[in-house]
C-alpha atoms as a PDB file:
ATOM      1  CA  MET A   1      98.304 121.865 110.627  1.00  0.00           C
ATOM      2  CA  HIS A   2     101.036 119.365 111.441  1.00  0.00           C
ATOM      3  CA  LYS A   3      99.769 119.098 115.017  1.00  0.00           C
ATOM      4  CA  ILE A   4      96.244 118.372 113.808  1.00  0.00           C
ATOM      5  CA  LEU A   5      97.546 115.618 111.546  1.00  0.00           C
ATOM      6  CA  ALA A   6      99.635 114.180 114.382  1.00  0.00           C
ATOM      7  CA  PHE A   7      96.691 114.222 116.799  1.00  0.00           C
ATOM      8  CA  SER A   8      94.387 112.579 114.280  1.00  0.00           C
ATOM      9  CA  ILE A   9      96.926 109.797 113.680  1.00  0.00           C
ATOM     10  CA  LEU A  10      97.379 109.399 117.450  1.00  0.00           C
ATOM     11  CA  GLY A  11      93.616 109.284 117.972  1.00  0.00           C
ATOM     12  CA  MET A  12      93.283 106.732 115.199  1.00  0.00           C
ATOM     13  CA  GLY A  13      95.871 104.550 116.924  1.00  0.00           C
ATOM     14  CA  LEU A  14      94.179 104.827 120.315  1.00  0.00           C
ATOM     15  CA  THR A  15      90.703 104.057 119.004  1.00  0.00           C
ATOM     16  CA  GLY A  16      92.148 101.166 117.004  1.00  0.00           C
ATOM     17  CA  ALA A  17      93.673  99.816 120.208  1.00  0.00           C
ATOM     18  CA  VAL A  18      90.313 100.084 121.982  1.00  0.00           C
ATOM     19  CA  LEU A  19      88.695  98.173 119.133  1.00  0.00           C
ATOM     20  CA  VAL A  20      91.330  95.437 119.232  1.00  0.00           C
ATOM     21  CA  ILE A  21      90.852  95.029 122.978  1.00  0.00           C
ATOM     22  CA  SER A  22      87.036  95.139 122.741  1.00  0.00           C
ATOM     23  CA  VAL A  23      86.477  92.586 119.970  1.00  0.00           C
ATOM     24  CA  PRO A  24      87.347  89.462 122.033  1.00  0.00           C
ATOM     25  CA  LEU A  25      84.891  90.594 124.705  1.00  0.00           C
ATOM     26  CA  LEU A  26      82.056  90.278 122.188  1.00  0.00           C
ATOM     27  CA  PHE A  27      82.306  86.500 122.366  1.00  0.00           C
ATOM     28  CA  ASN A  28      82.090  86.393 126.164  1.00  0.00           C
ATOM     29  CA  THR A  29      80.039  89.479 126.977  1.00  0.00           C
ATOM     30  CA  PRO A  30      80.080  90.362 130.657  1.00  0.00           C
ATOM     31  CA  ILE A  31      78.312  93.688 130.128  1.00  0.00           C
ATOM     32  CA  GLY A  32      76.198  93.254 126.996  1.00  0.00           C
ATOM     33  CA  ASN A  33      74.738  96.330 125.332  1.00  0.00           C
ATOM     34  CA  VAL A  34      77.231  98.756 126.866  1.00  0.00           C
ATOM     35  CA  LEU A  35      80.093  96.942 125.146  1.00  0.00           C
ATOM     36  CA  LYS A  36      78.309  97.123 121.807  1.00  0.00           C
ATOM     37  CA  ILE A  37      77.808 100.869 122.248  1.00  0.00           C
ATOM     38  CA  VAL A  38      81.500 101.318 123.120  1.00  0.00           C
ATOM     39  CA  ILE A  39      82.551  99.342 120.042  1.00  0.00           C
ATOM     40  CA  ALA A  40      80.174 101.288 117.787  1.00  0.00           C
ATOM     41  CA  GLY A  41      81.449 104.587 119.189  1.00  0.00           C
ATOM     42  CA  SER A  42      85.083 103.539 118.847  1.00  0.00           C
ATOM     43  CA  THR A  43      84.506 102.450 115.258  1.00  0.00           C
ATOM     44  CA  THR A  44      82.842 105.749 114.410  1.00  0.00           C
ATOM     45  CA  VAL A  45      85.622 107.782 116.001  1.00  0.00           C
ATOM     46  CA  PHE A  46      88.258 105.638 114.262  1.00  0.00           C
ATOM     47  CA  VAL A  47      86.657 106.291 110.864  1.00  0.00           C
ATOM     48  CA  ILE A  48      86.448 110.029 111.591  1.00  0.00           C
ATOM     49  CA  PHE A  49      90.132 110.145 112.571  1.00  0.00           C
ATOM     50  CA  ALA A  50      91.136 108.139 109.487  1.00  0.00           C
ATOM     51  CA  ILE A  51      89.235 110.431 107.114  1.00  0.00           C
ATOM     52  CA  SER A  52      90.555 113.568 108.801  1.00  0.00           C
ATOM     53  CA  ALA A  53      94.139 112.268 108.597  1.00  0.00           C
ATOM     54  CA  LEU A  54      93.735 111.677 104.859  1.00  0.00           C
ATOM     55  CA  VAL A  55      92.219 115.123 104.301  1.00  0.00           C
ATOM     56  CA  PHE A  56      94.884 116.928 106.337  1.00  0.00           C
ATOM     57  CA  ARG A  57      97.661 115.011 104.589  1.00  0.00           C
ATOM     58  CA  ARG A  58      96.281 116.024 101.201  1.00  0.00           C
ATOM     59  CA  ARG A  59      96.075 119.673 102.301  1.00  0.00           C
ATOM     60  CA  LEU A  60      99.646 119.584 103.596  1.00  0.00           C
ATOM     61  CA  ASP A  61     100.869 118.079 100.308  1.00  0.00           C
ATOM     62  CA  GLU A  62      99.087 120.805  98.315  1.00  0.00           C
ATOM     63  CA  GLN A  63     100.500 123.482 100.600  1.00  0.00           C
ATOM     64  CA  ALA A  64     104.026 122.079 100.194  1.00  0.00           C
ATOM     65  CA  LYS A  65     103.656 122.040  96.395  1.00  0.00           C
ATOM     66  CA  LYS A  66     102.554 125.688  96.407  1.00  0.00           C
ATOM     67  CA  GLU A  67     105.550 126.638  98.532  1.00  0.00           C
ATOM     68  CA  ASP A  68     107.890 124.730  96.198  1.00  0.00           C
ATOM     69  CA  ASN A  69     106.467 126.580  93.192  1.00  0.00           C
ATOM     70  CA  LEU A  70     106.947 129.929  94.931  1.00  0.00           C
ATOM     71  CA  VAL A  71     110.591 129.135  95.720  1.00  0.00           C
ATOM     72  CA  LYS A  72     111.391 128.213  92.122  1.00  0.00           C
END
């Protein structure tokens, strides 16, 4: 579970970097529609990674609380 959370945070960082690099190209588009598709795909993947990181973090917190209650 920790690896999944780590990979989703890493993926979120990489897709965020792609978005940061791609946005200035919108103002001087050498490619056109392909760039817009790449940006739309990167945005979608970024949102998916962000939501999955939040969900996995919540599950890990709940799992840790259950383990703490079992220890006490």
